[in-house]
Amino acid sequence: MIRILHTADWHLGQTLNGWPREDEHRAALAALTAIAEAQAVDAVIIAGDVFDGMNPSADSMRLLYDTLVALRRVRPHLTTIMVAGNHDAAGRIEAPQPLFAALGVHAVGIIHRRDGAIDLDRHLVPVRDAAGRTGAHVLAIPYPRAADLPGLGESWQQAEPAAGSPVVRAVRRLHDEMIGAARAAIGPAPLVVTGHLNVIGGEADDDSRSAERRILIGGEHAVPHDLYPADLAYVALGHLHKPHAAGRANVRYAGSLFPLSVTERGYRHGVSLVTLGAGPAEITPVPLPRPVAHLRVPEKGALAPAAAEAALAAVAAAEGTPRSLWPFVQAVVAADGPVSGIKADLERAAEPLCLRLVDVSFVRSAAAADAGAAPPPPVRLAECDPADLFARAFEATHGVAPGEAHLAAFHHILQRED
């Protein structure tokens, strides 16, 4: 029997409306390490987005290394498989591999080939129990970049709408090749596959404030779950922050450690414990304690502006609470008139109450909405998909959406730039 702890989307270094979250990460990762010890796991899978950005701070990297050391300390035979997500710099994930090897860590940032074939020495990782017996293998597949996808250029050149998405076809070819190579090497033994992408059936958050980016090349944001053959023991996914199954019970997103945006307040964050034995995988979601409270004021509906400050006072943290543990608050205010100044007033009120105001939303009546609703929150350029920007610019210029041929040309140029 092999026990695997599946986690993903740590986003080390992330801030929420400018507030640092290192203390939350330390608490969540300490809890994760305690679960690994209590559940006597043999492997930990980190399915991408280890960091929140391509250039993580020294503190973020130190926290990662501290956690990897702590995991190995509580489970001396532990194997850790870590793959890059769309937020990660692939080279940075792989660079410490000579040192990682001493900790039983296998880090994969890109697709590795040897003489044109998949390099299974880099991607296929045996998982052993405490007695040293191999009970499963993990096929480590990171976020697929354009350069990793076989035949993508030829698919773009075809540009046949009836043939379906060239990007999805290329992603499918890559998975067929990698899973086929793994099966040829290990036969029918239990095989776990990692992934960092959006699988159809996954519950993506389309709110503009979400921390979940649309990521696949070419504006294609989801692949079918039948990308993963039915004989796989388990598919360990990352990217979507809500823990849930995607299409099949054993194709699962672990979710993030805690809410990364106000839209994730209602998620039940945690990790997935996967037990592999003679039958189907046993999958047990294990919740993580939330290091900091995430509040909505009010819980339902919207406040009158005059009542907003009193509502904040009702949820104030205890005086002397460390700043890093102040609750995060989203305020929803009913405002049919001008809203200028309301947000600033609430921010001033929150500070002495030991609250961190991270979002103020305004709800207007139908009549007020007709007169012009408040603009949506701004989106950072880093959160935009180049294909989305291209499509918007094309439609603004020509009055119609770009066709397959236009997208093919754009992505051919984008691939050359990568």
Protein backbone atom coordinates (compact mmCIF):
# COMPACT_ATOMS: atom_id res chain seq x y z
CA MET A 1 0.00 0.00 0.00
CA ILE A 2 1.23 3.47 -0.94
CA ARG A 3 -0.07 6.74 0.51
CA ILE A 4 0.35 10.00 -1.41
CA LEU A 5 -0.44 13.52 -0.26
CA HIS A 6 -1.55 15.66 -3.21
CA THR A 7 -1.21 19.42 -2.86
CA ALA A 8 -0.90 22.31 -5.31
CA ASP A 9 -1.05 26.05 -5.85
CA TRP A 10 1.00 27.22 -2.88
CA HIS A 11 1.67 30.60 -4.53
CA LEU A 12 4.50 31.42 -2.15
CA GLY A 13 5.10 35.16 -2.12
CA GLN A 14 1.50 36.06 -2.94
CA THR A 15 0.01 39.25 -1.52
CA LEU A 16 -3.65 40.16 -1.15
CA ASN A 17 -4.33 43.80 -1.95
CA GLY A 18 -0.74 44.51 -0.93
CA TRP A 19 -0.83 42.55 2.34
CA PRO A 20 1.97 39.93 2.66
CA ARG A 21 0.95 36.38 3.47
CA GLU A 22 4.16 34.71 4.61
CA ASP A 23 2.84 33.94 8.10
CA GLU A 24 -0.24 32.28 6.60
CA HIS A 25 1.95 30.19 4.33
CA ARG A 26 4.16 29.12 7.22
CA ALA A 27 1.15 28.05 9.27
CA ALA A 28 -0.49 26.19 6.36
CA LEU A 29 2.70 24.38 5.39
CA ALA A 30 3.36 23.41 9.00
CA ALA A 31 -0.15 21.91 9.08
CA LEU A 32 0.52 20.10 5.79
CA THR A 33 3.74 18.64 7.22
CA ALA A 34 1.86 17.47 10.31
CA ILE A 35 -0.70 15.72 8.07
CA ALA A 36 2.10 14.00 6.14
CA GLU A 37 3.49 12.68 9.42
CA ALA A 38 0.15 11.70 10.95
CA GLN A 39 -1.03 9.93 7.80
CA ALA A 40 2.32 8.16 7.28
CA VAL A 41 2.56 9.18 3.64
CA ASP A 42 5.15 7.82 1.23
CA ALA A 43 5.05 10.67 -1.28
CA VAL A 44 3.98 14.28 -1.64
CA ILE A 45 2.96 15.73 -5.01
CA ILE A 46 3.10 19.51 -5.48
CA ALA A 47 1.17 20.03 -8.72
CA GLY A 48 2.45 23.43 -9.83
CA ASP A 49 2.30 27.13 -8.96
CA VAL A 50 4.75 26.65 -6.14
CA PHE A 51 5.50 30.38 -6.35
CA ASP A 52 3.22 33.28 -7.18
CA GLY A 53 5.63 34.83 -9.67
CA MET A 54 8.53 34.07 -11.98
CA ASN A 55 11.04 35.82 -9.71
CA PRO A 56 10.24 34.71 -6.15
CA SER A 57 11.86 36.47 -3.24
CA ALA A 58 14.61 34.92 -1.15
CA ASP A 59 12.08 34.54 1.69
CA SER A 60 9.71 32.57 -0.57
CA MET A 61 12.46 30.25 -1.75
CA ARG A 62 13.65 29.75 1.83
CA LEU A 63 10.12 28.81 2.89
CA LEU A 64 9.96 26.20 0.13
CA TYR A 65 13.30 24.71 1.14
CA ASP A 66 12.37 24.75 4.84
CA THR A 67 9.17 22.86 4.03
CA LEU A 68 10.92 20.24 1.90
CA VAL A 69 13.42 19.64 4.70
CA ALA A 70 10.65 19.42 7.30
CA LEU A 71 8.70 16.89 5.21
CA ARG A 72 11.77 14.69 4.81
CA ARG A 73 12.52 14.96 8.53
CA VAL A 74 9.12 13.61 9.57
CA ARG A 75 9.09 10.94 6.81
CA PRO A 76 12.74 9.95 6.14
CA HIS A 77 11.93 7.79 3.10
CA LEU A 78 9.56 10.39 1.58
CA THR A 79 9.56 11.06 -2.17
CA THR A 80 8.42 14.55 -3.20
CA ILE A 81 7.41 15.27 -6.82
CA MET A 82 7.19 18.97 -7.67
CA VAL A 83 6.22 20.29 -11.11
CA ALA A 84 6.13 23.83 -12.48
CA GLY A 85 2.85 25.64 -13.01
CA ASN A 86 2.07 28.63 -15.20
CA HIS A 87 3.19 31.01 -12.43
CA ASP A 88 6.56 29.29 -12.03
CA ALA A 89 9.83 29.82 -13.85
CA ALA A 90 10.63 26.31 -15.06
CA GLY A 91 14.39 26.79 -14.77
CA ARG A 92 14.13 28.07 -11.22
CA ILE A 93 12.07 25.05 -10.19
CA GLU A 94 14.67 22.65 -11.62
CA ALA A 95 17.90 24.49 -10.76
CA PRO A 96 18.41 23.02 -7.25
CA GLN A 97 17.83 19.42 -8.44
CA PRO A 98 21.34 18.19 -7.47
CA LEU A 99 20.62 19.35 -3.92
CA PHE A 100 16.98 18.26 -4.02
CA ALA A 101 18.09 14.69 -4.77
CA ALA A 102 19.48 14.38 -1.26
CA LEU A 103 15.99 15.14 0.08
CA GLY A 104 14.20 12.74 -2.27
CA VAL A 105 12.75 15.66 -4.24
CA HIS A 106 12.17 15.38 -8.00
CA ALA A 107 11.55 18.79 -9.60
CA VAL A 108 10.32 19.01 -13.20
CA GLY A 109 9.85 22.33 -14.99
CA ILE A 110 9.84 21.39 -18.67
CA ILE A 111 9.40 18.33 -20.87
CA HIS A 112 12.75 16.56 -21.17
CA ARG A 113 13.71 14.48 -24.18
CA ARG A 114 16.70 12.30 -24.99
CA ASP A 115 17.35 11.52 -28.66
CA GLY A 116 13.87 12.79 -29.44
CA ALA A 117 12.09 10.49 -26.96
CA ILE A 118 10.65 11.34 -23.56
CA ASP A 119 13.38 11.13 -20.93
CA LEU A 120 11.71 8.86 -18.38
CA ASP A 121 14.67 9.22 -16.02
CA ARG A 122 13.48 12.81 -15.48
CA HIS A 123 9.72 12.24 -15.59
CA LEU A 124 8.92 8.77 -14.22
CA VAL A 125 9.44 8.62 -10.45
CA PRO A 126 9.07 5.41 -8.40
CA VAL A 127 7.30 5.72 -5.06
CA ARG A 128 8.48 3.33 -2.34
CA ASP A 129 7.04 2.47 1.02
CA ALA A 130 9.00 2.61 4.27
CA ALA A 131 10.37 -0.88 3.61
CA GLY A 132 11.77 0.20 0.24
CA ARG A 133 9.20 -1.63 -1.91
CA THR A 134 8.04 0.18 -5.05
CA GLY A 135 4.25 0.41 -4.95
CA ALA A 136 3.52 3.02 -7.64
CA HIS A 137 5.08 5.41 -10.12
CA VAL A 138 4.38 9.09 -10.69
CA LEU A 139 4.63 10.54 -14.20
CA ALA A 140 5.57 14.17 -13.59
CA ILE A 141 4.06 16.42 -16.28
CA PRO A 142 4.43 20.20 -15.71
CA TYR A 143 2.41 23.04 -17.22
CA PRO A 144 2.70 22.54 -21.00
CA ARG A 145 4.48 25.43 -22.71
CA ALA A 146 4.37 25.96 -26.47
CA ALA A 147 7.87 24.53 -26.84
CA ASP A 148 6.76 21.33 -25.05
CA LEU A 149 3.90 20.51 -27.43
CA PRO A 150 4.79 18.19 -30.33
CA GLY A 151 3.56 19.20 -33.77
CA LEU A 152 1.93 22.41 -32.58
CA GLY A 153 3.34 24.46 -35.45
CA GLU A 154 1.97 22.00 -38.01
CA SER A 155 -1.43 22.03 -36.27
CA TRP A 156 -1.59 25.82 -36.49
CA GLN A 157 -0.69 25.70 -40.17
CA GLN A 158 -3.61 23.34 -40.83
CA ALA A 159 -6.06 25.78 -39.22
CA GLU A 160 -9.07 23.59 -39.96
CA PRO A 161 -11.99 24.57 -37.70
CA ALA A 162 -13.64 21.18 -38.18
CA ALA A 163 -10.59 19.45 -36.76
CA GLY A 164 -10.98 21.08 -33.34
CA SER A 165 -8.47 23.06 -31.35
CA PRO A 166 -4.85 22.62 -32.50
CA VAL A 167 -3.69 23.32 -28.96
CA VAL A 168 -5.87 20.61 -27.42
CA ARG A 169 -4.71 18.18 -30.12
CA ALA A 170 -1.09 18.95 -29.31
CA VAL A 171 -1.68 18.58 -25.56
CA ARG A 172 -3.37 15.24 -26.19
CA ARG A 173 -0.45 14.04 -28.34
CA LEU A 174 2.01 14.96 -25.59
CA HIS A 175 0.04 13.06 -22.96
CA ASP A 176 -0.44 10.04 -25.24
CA GLU A 177 3.31 9.96 -25.84
CA MET A 178 4.30 10.36 -22.19
CA ILE A 179 1.72 7.98 -20.73
CA GLY A 180 2.46 5.43 -23.46
CA ALA A 181 6.17 5.57 -22.67
CA ALA A 182 5.50 5.17 -18.95
CA ARG A 183 3.20 2.19 -19.53
CA ALA A 184 5.81 0.54 -21.74
CA ALA A 185 8.32 0.90 -18.90
CA ILE A 186 6.21 -0.23 -15.92
CA GLY A 187 3.43 -2.31 -17.44
CA PRO A 188 0.10 -2.41 -15.55
CA ALA A 189 1.57 -1.22 -12.22
CA PRO A 190 -0.21 1.73 -10.54
CA LEU A 191 0.54 4.96 -12.40
CA VAL A 192 -0.19 8.46 -11.09
CA VAL A 193 0.01 11.41 -13.51
CA THR A 194 0.40 15.07 -12.62
CA GLY A 195 -0.99 18.02 -14.56
CA HIS A 196 -1.26 21.78 -14.33
CA LEU A 197 -4.03 22.91 -16.65
CA ASN A 198 -7.79 23.39 -16.82
CA VAL A 199 -9.67 20.13 -17.34
CA ILE A 200 -13.25 20.18 -18.61
CA GLY A 201 -15.40 19.46 -15.60
CA GLY A 202 -13.15 21.56 -13.39
CA GLU A 203 -14.88 24.41 -11.57
CA ALA A 204 -13.03 27.53 -12.69
CA ASP A 205 -13.75 30.91 -11.14
CA ASP A 206 -14.57 33.50 -13.83
CA ASP A 207 -14.72 36.46 -11.44
CA SER A 208 -12.27 39.18 -12.53
CA ARG A 209 -10.88 39.25 -8.97
CA SER A 210 -10.00 35.55 -9.08
CA ALA A 211 -6.38 34.45 -8.70
CA GLU A 212 -6.94 31.67 -11.28
CA ARG A 213 -5.61 32.65 -14.70
CA ARG A 214 -6.70 31.25 -18.04
CA ILE A 215 -3.50 29.53 -19.04
CA LEU A 216 -3.44 27.26 -22.09
CA ILE A 217 -1.73 28.60 -25.17
CA GLY A 218 -3.96 29.85 -27.94
CA GLY A 219 -6.85 30.97 -25.80
CA GLU A 220 -7.84 27.34 -25.28
CA HIS A 221 -8.53 27.09 -21.58
CA ALA A 222 -9.66 23.51 -20.99
CA VAL A 223 -8.92 19.97 -22.15
CA PRO A 224 -11.22 16.92 -21.92
CA HIS A 225 -10.75 14.64 -18.92
CA ASP A 226 -10.45 11.68 -21.31
CA LEU A 227 -6.95 13.02 -21.94
CA TYR A 228 -6.18 10.71 -19.00
CA PRO A 229 -6.79 6.99 -19.67
CA ALA A 230 -9.17 5.13 -17.40
CA ASP A 231 -6.45 2.74 -16.22
CA LEU A 232 -4.54 5.48 -14.39
CA ALA A 233 -4.59 5.12 -10.63
CA TYR A 234 -4.90 8.84 -10.01
CA VAL A 235 -4.45 12.22 -11.73
CA ALA A 236 -3.02 14.95 -9.48
CA LEU A 237 -4.04 18.32 -10.88
CA GLY A 238 -3.10 21.90 -10.10
CA HIS A 239 -4.25 25.36 -11.25
CA LEU A 240 -7.85 25.60 -10.01
CA HIS A 241 -7.96 26.63 -6.37
CA LYS A 242 -11.13 24.82 -5.30
CA PRO A 243 -10.58 21.19 -4.22
CA HIS A 244 -12.77 19.00 -6.42
CA ALA A 245 -12.89 16.16 -8.93
CA ALA A 246 -12.90 16.98 -12.66
CA GLY A 247 -15.01 14.57 -14.69
CA ARG A 248 -13.95 11.44 -12.75
CA ALA A 249 -13.43 10.81 -9.06
CA ASN A 250 -9.73 10.02 -9.51
CA VAL A 251 -9.00 13.12 -11.64
CA ARG A 252 -8.73 15.74 -8.93
CA TYR A 253 -7.65 19.28 -8.11
CA ALA A 254 -6.06 19.52 -4.67
CA GLY A 255 -6.84 23.24 -4.49
CA SER A 256 -4.80 25.97 -2.82
CA LEU A 257 -3.77 26.05 0.84
CA PHE A 258 -6.11 28.93 1.73
CA PRO A 259 -8.11 31.62 -0.11
CA LEU A 260 -5.95 33.54 -2.57
CA SER A 261 -8.68 36.03 -3.49
CA VAL A 262 -12.00 37.22 -2.10
CA THR A 263 -13.83 34.93 -4.52
CA GLU A 264 -12.36 31.85 -2.79
CA ARG A 265 -13.72 32.57 0.69
CA GLY A 266 -16.26 29.75 0.48
CA TYR A 267 -13.85 27.04 -0.69
CA ARG A 268 -12.95 24.19 1.69
CA HIS A 269 -9.21 24.34 1.25
CA GLY A 270 -7.00 21.38 2.01
CA VAL A 271 -5.04 18.50 0.51
CA SER A 272 -5.98 15.12 -0.94
CA LEU A 273 -4.82 11.89 0.68
CA VAL A 274 -4.58 9.13 -1.93
CA THR A 275 -4.20 5.49 -0.87
CA LEU A 276 -3.17 3.02 -3.56
CA GLY A 277 -3.65 -0.68 -2.98
CA ALA A 278 -5.20 -3.62 -4.75
CA GLY A 279 -8.41 -1.87 -5.79
CA PRO A 280 -9.34 1.64 -6.94
CA ALA A 281 -7.62 4.57 -5.30
CA GLU A 282 -9.07 5.69 -1.99
CA ILE A 283 -9.26 9.51 -2.06
CA THR A 284 -9.80 11.42 1.15
CA PRO A 285 -9.95 15.24 1.20
CA VAL A 286 -8.15 16.52 4.29
CA PRO A 287 -9.06 20.10 5.30
CA LEU A 288 -6.41 22.58 6.35
CA PRO A 289 -7.10 25.04 9.17
CA ARG A 290 -7.50 28.57 7.83
CA PRO A 291 -4.64 30.67 9.26
CA VAL A 292 -6.54 33.95 8.95
CA ALA A 293 -10.28 34.64 8.90
CA HIS A 294 -11.82 35.81 5.60
CA LEU A 295 -15.00 37.77 6.27
CA ARG A 296 -17.76 39.22 4.15
CA VAL A 297 -19.59 42.20 5.63
CA PRO A 298 -22.49 41.61 5.65
CA GLU A 299 -22.63 37.79 5.32
CA LYS A 300 -25.42 38.21 2.75
CA GLY A 301 -26.83 41.16 0.87
CA ALA A 302 -25.41 44.66 1.07
CA LEU A 303 -25.00 47.38 3.68
CA ALA A 304 -26.31 50.90 3.59
CA PRO A 305 -23.28 53.24 3.49
CA ALA A 306 -24.24 54.77 6.84
CA ALA A 307 -24.16 51.34 8.51
CA ALA A 308 -20.89 50.12 6.99
CA GLU A 309 -18.51 51.37 9.68
CA ALA A 310 -20.65 49.95 12.48
CA ALA A 311 -20.70 46.59 10.68
CA LEU A 312 -16.90 46.59 10.55
CA ALA A 313 -16.76 47.35 14.26
CA ALA A 314 -18.94 44.31 14.94
CA VAL A 315 -16.28 41.97 13.47
CA ALA A 316 -13.21 43.75 14.87
CA ALA A 317 -10.28 41.59 15.93
CA ALA A 318 -9.06 41.67 19.52
CA GLU A 319 -6.77 44.54 20.35
CA GLY A 320 -3.17 43.40 20.21
CA THR A 321 -3.76 40.80 17.48
CA PRO A 322 -0.56 40.57 15.39
CA ARG A 323 -0.94 42.51 12.16
CA SER A 324 -0.27 39.41 10.05
CA LEU A 325 -3.28 37.70 11.68
CA TRP A 326 -5.79 40.51 11.21
CA PRO A 327 -8.88 39.17 9.39
CA PHE A 328 -9.31 39.98 5.70
CA VAL A 329 -12.61 41.72 5.02
CA GLN A 330 -14.70 42.15 1.89
CA ALA A 331 -17.34 44.87 2.28
CA VAL A 332 -20.43 44.92 0.07
CA VAL A 333 -22.19 48.28 0.08
CA ALA A 334 -25.54 49.30 -1.43
CA ALA A 335 -24.96 52.63 -3.15
CA ASP A 336 -27.36 54.18 -5.64
CA GLY A 337 -25.62 57.54 -5.44
CA PRO A 338 -22.00 58.61 -5.82
CA VAL A 339 -19.49 56.20 -4.26
CA SER A 340 -16.42 58.42 -4.19
CA GLY A 341 -14.89 58.48 -0.75
CA ILE A 342 -16.75 55.45 0.64
CA LYS A 343 -13.84 53.06 0.13
CA ALA A 344 -11.34 55.48 1.68
CA ASP A 345 -13.64 56.00 4.68
CA LEU A 346 -13.93 52.24 5.22
CA GLU A 347 -10.17 51.74 4.93
CA ARG A 348 -9.62 54.40 7.61
CA ALA A 349 -12.21 52.73 9.83
CA ALA A 350 -10.72 49.24 9.39
CA GLU A 351 -7.18 50.03 10.56
CA PRO A 352 -7.92 50.73 14.28
CA LEU A 353 -10.26 47.72 14.33
CA CYS A 354 -7.39 45.35 13.43
CA LEU A 355 -9.05 44.49 10.10
CA ARG A 356 -7.56 44.35 6.62
CA LEU A 357 -10.05 45.66 4.05
CA VAL A 358 -9.14 43.92 0.79
CA ASP A 359 -12.22 44.54 -1.33
CA VAL A 360 -15.15 46.95 -1.45
CA SER A 361 -17.96 46.03 -3.84
CA PHE A 362 -20.88 48.29 -4.64
CA VAL A 363 -24.35 46.92 -5.36
CA ARG A 364 -26.66 49.26 -7.26
CA SER A 365 -30.37 49.17 -8.01
CA ALA A 366 -31.50 48.55 -11.58
CA ALA A 367 -32.12 52.26 -12.10
CA ALA A 368 -28.66 53.14 -10.85
CA ALA A 369 -27.11 50.46 -13.01
CA ASP A 370 -28.80 51.98 -16.07
CA ALA A 371 -27.22 55.30 -15.15
CA GLY A 372 -23.79 53.69 -15.07
CA ALA A 373 -22.54 51.05 -12.66
CA ALA A 374 -19.18 51.18 -10.97
CA PRO A 375 -16.41 49.86 -13.24
CA PRO A 376 -15.06 46.36 -12.58
CA PRO A 377 -11.86 46.02 -10.57
CA PRO A 378 -8.73 46.52 -12.71
CA VAL A 379 -6.90 43.43 -13.92
CA ARG A 380 -3.10 43.29 -13.81
CA LEU A 381 -1.36 42.81 -17.15
CA ALA A 382 0.36 39.72 -15.71
CA GLU A 383 -3.08 38.10 -15.29
CA CYS A 384 -3.99 38.56 -18.96
CA ASP A 385 -3.60 35.85 -21.55
CA PRO A 386 -1.83 37.19 -24.69
CA ALA A 387 -4.40 35.41 -26.84
CA ASP A 388 -7.25 37.17 -25.04
CA LEU A 389 -5.58 40.54 -25.61
CA PHE A 390 -5.04 39.72 -29.28
CA ALA A 391 -8.68 38.68 -29.71
CA ARG A 392 -9.95 41.87 -28.07
CA ALA A 393 -7.68 44.08 -30.15
CA PHE A 394 -8.65 42.24 -33.36
CA GLU A 395 -12.37 42.58 -32.65
CA ALA A 396 -12.01 46.26 -31.71
CA THR A 397 -10.22 46.92 -35.00
CA HIS A 398 -12.22 44.76 -37.40
CA GLY A 399 -15.59 44.41 -35.70
CA VAL A 400 -15.48 40.59 -35.75
CA ALA A 401 -13.72 37.94 -33.69
CA PRO A 402 -10.52 36.45 -35.13
CA GLY A 403 -10.87 33.18 -37.01
CA GLU A 404 -8.76 30.03 -36.74
CA ALA A 405 -6.35 31.28 -39.41
CA HIS A 406 -5.77 34.54 -37.54
CA LEU A 407 -5.21 32.69 -34.27
CA ALA A 408 -2.88 30.25 -36.01
CA ALA A 409 -0.74 33.12 -37.32
CA PHE A 410 -0.68 34.84 -33.93
CA HIS A 411 0.36 31.70 -32.07
CA HIS A 412 2.97 30.81 -34.66
CA ILE A 413 4.58 34.20 -33.97
CA LEU A 414 4.16 33.73 -30.21
CA GLN A 415 5.83 30.33 -30.33
CA ARG A 416 8.81 31.82 -32.16
CA GLU A 417 9.08 34.54 -29.50
CA ASP A 418 9.12 31.88 -26.73
